[in-house]
Amino acid sequence: MVYINGKFYPRQDASISVFDSGFLLGDGVWEGIRLYNSKFLFLGQHLERLFWGASQIDMDIGKTLDEVTS
């Protein structure tokens, strides 16, 4: 079974469009974080933006914000 867009399909029936952005380019988010004198600058703000961006494309980072900052 293959899970696509909220539904399960038998493997032989599963397909996606060749024009799907995830197929063509992949989906992702990134955030640049500056390190100055061995300290992260504005780390909380950067991580909040990263988590917000991930939520906009339904990406699960796999950790909570607290887990990432610890």
C-alpha atoms as a PDB file:
ATOM      1  CA  MET A   1       0.000   0.000   0.000  1.00  0.00           C
ATOM      2  CA  VAL A   2       1.094   3.539  -0.801  1.00  0.00           C
ATOM      3  CA  TYR A   3      -0.228   6.643   0.956  1.00  0.00           C
ATOM      4  CA  ILE A   4      -0.770   9.615  -1.386  1.00  0.00           C
ATOM      5  CA  ASN A   5      -2.648  12.806  -0.511  1.00  0.00           C
ATOM      6  CA  GLY A   6      -4.577  11.260   2.355  1.00  0.00           C
ATOM      7  CA  LYS A   7      -5.528   7.982   0.648  1.00  0.00           C
ATOM      8  CA  PHE A   8      -4.070   4.474   0.462  1.00  0.00           C
ATOM      9  CA  TYR A   9      -3.557   2.847  -2.946  1.00  0.00           C
ATOM     10  CA  PRO A  10      -2.262  -0.566  -4.023  1.00  0.00           C
ATOM     11  CA  ARG A  11       1.342  -0.123  -5.160  1.00  0.00           C
ATOM     12  CA  GLN A  12       0.508  -0.837  -8.823  1.00  0.00           C
ATOM     13  CA  ASP A  13      -2.235   1.854  -8.820  1.00  0.00           C
ATOM     14  CA  ALA A  14      -0.218   4.590  -7.112  1.00  0.00           C
ATOM     15  CA  SER A  15       0.903   7.485  -9.268  1.00  0.00           C
ATOM     16  CA  ILE A  16       1.734  11.171  -9.098  1.00  0.00           C
ATOM     17  CA  SER A  17       1.851  13.742 -11.857  1.00  0.00           C
ATOM     18  CA  VAL A  18       5.243  14.363 -13.450  1.00  0.00           C
ATOM     19  CA  PHE A  19       4.394  18.046 -12.955  1.00  0.00           C
ATOM     20  CA  ASP A  20       4.013  17.688  -9.166  1.00  0.00           C
ATOM     21  CA  SER A  21       6.354  20.206  -7.492  1.00  0.00           C
ATOM     22  CA  GLY A  22       7.548  17.573  -5.029  1.00  0.00           C
ATOM     23  CA  PHE A  23       8.515  15.328  -7.939  1.00  0.00           C
ATOM     24  CA  LEU A  24      10.152  18.084 -10.000  1.00  0.00           C
ATOM     25  CA  LEU A  25      11.904  20.105  -7.334  1.00  0.00           C
ATOM     26  CA  GLY A  26      11.158  18.756  -3.897  1.00  0.00           C
ATOM     27  CA  ASP A  27       9.724  20.890  -1.139  1.00  0.00           C
ATOM     28  CA  GLY A  28      11.709  22.343   1.695  1.00  0.00           C
ATOM     29  CA  VAL A  29      12.363  25.259   3.997  1.00  0.00           C
ATOM     30  CA  TRP A  30      15.582  26.681   5.350  1.00  0.00           C
ATOM     31  CA  GLU A  31      16.682  29.377   7.739  1.00  0.00           C
ATOM     32  CA  GLY A  32      20.143  30.910   7.928  1.00  0.00           C
ATOM     33  CA  ILE A  33      21.417  31.329  11.491  1.00  0.00           C
ATOM     34  CA  ARG A  34      24.383  33.573  12.234  1.00  0.00           C
ATOM     35  CA  LEU A  35      27.015  32.613  14.777  1.00  0.00           C
ATOM     36  CA  TYR A  36      29.023  35.483  16.296  1.00  0.00           C
ATOM     37  CA  ASN A  37      31.660  35.052  19.007  1.00  0.00           C
ATOM     38  CA  SER A  38      30.497  31.454  19.495  1.00  0.00           C
ATOM     39  CA  LYS A  39      26.891  32.563  20.127  1.00  0.00           C
ATOM     40  CA  PHE A  40      23.832  32.141  17.928  1.00  0.00           C
ATOM     41  CA  LEU A  41      22.181  35.457  17.103  1.00  0.00           C
ATOM     42  CA  PHE A  42      18.387  35.609  17.366  1.00  0.00           C
ATOM     43  CA  LEU A  43      18.148  31.811  17.569  1.00  0.00           C
ATOM     44  CA  GLY A  44      14.583  31.792  18.907  1.00  0.00           C
ATOM     45  CA  GLN A  45      13.309  34.019  16.099  1.00  0.00           C
ATOM     46  CA  HIS A  46      15.080  31.949  13.441  1.00  0.00           C
ATOM     47  CA  LEU A  47      13.685  28.686  14.762  1.00  0.00           C
ATOM     48  CA  GLU A  48      10.164  30.098  15.040  1.00  0.00           C
ATOM     49  CA  ARG A  49      10.344  31.089  11.351  1.00  0.00           C
ATOM     50  CA  LEU A  50      11.730  27.659  10.452  1.00  0.00           C
ATOM     51  CA  PHE A  51       8.913  25.854  12.258  1.00  0.00           C
ATOM     52  CA  TRP A  52       6.309  28.216  10.774  1.00  0.00           C
ATOM     53  CA  GLY A  53       7.654  27.646   7.241  1.00  0.00           C
ATOM     54  CA  ALA A  54       7.644  23.891   7.756  1.00  0.00           C
ATOM     55  CA  SER A  55       4.040  24.016   8.952  1.00  0.00           C
ATOM     56  CA  GLN A  56       3.006  25.862   5.784  1.00  0.00           C
ATOM     57  CA  ILE A  57       4.019  22.905   3.620  1.00  0.00           C
ATOM     58  CA  ASP A  58       2.910  20.261   6.141  1.00  0.00           C
ATOM     59  CA  MET A  59       6.506  19.277   6.881  1.00  0.00           C
ATOM     60  CA  ASP A  60       7.128  17.514  10.190  1.00  0.00           C
ATOM     61  CA  ILE A  61      10.533  18.522  11.543  1.00  0.00           C
ATOM     62  CA  GLY A  62      10.430  15.530  13.870  1.00  0.00           C
ATOM     63  CA  LYS A  63      11.407  17.503  16.967  1.00  0.00           C
ATOM     64  CA  THR A  64       9.675  20.141  19.058  1.00  0.00           C
ATOM     65  CA  LEU A  65      11.024  23.674  19.261  1.00  0.00           C
ATOM     66  CA  ASP A  66      12.224  22.951  22.811  1.00  0.00           C
ATOM     67  CA  GLU A  67      14.015  19.776  21.681  1.00  0.00           C
ATOM     68  CA  VAL A  68      15.840  21.665  18.937  1.00  0.00           C
ATOM     69  CA  THR A  69      16.989  24.445  21.271  1.00  0.00           C
ATOM     70  CA  SER A  70      18.177  22.139  24.065  1.00  0.00           C
END
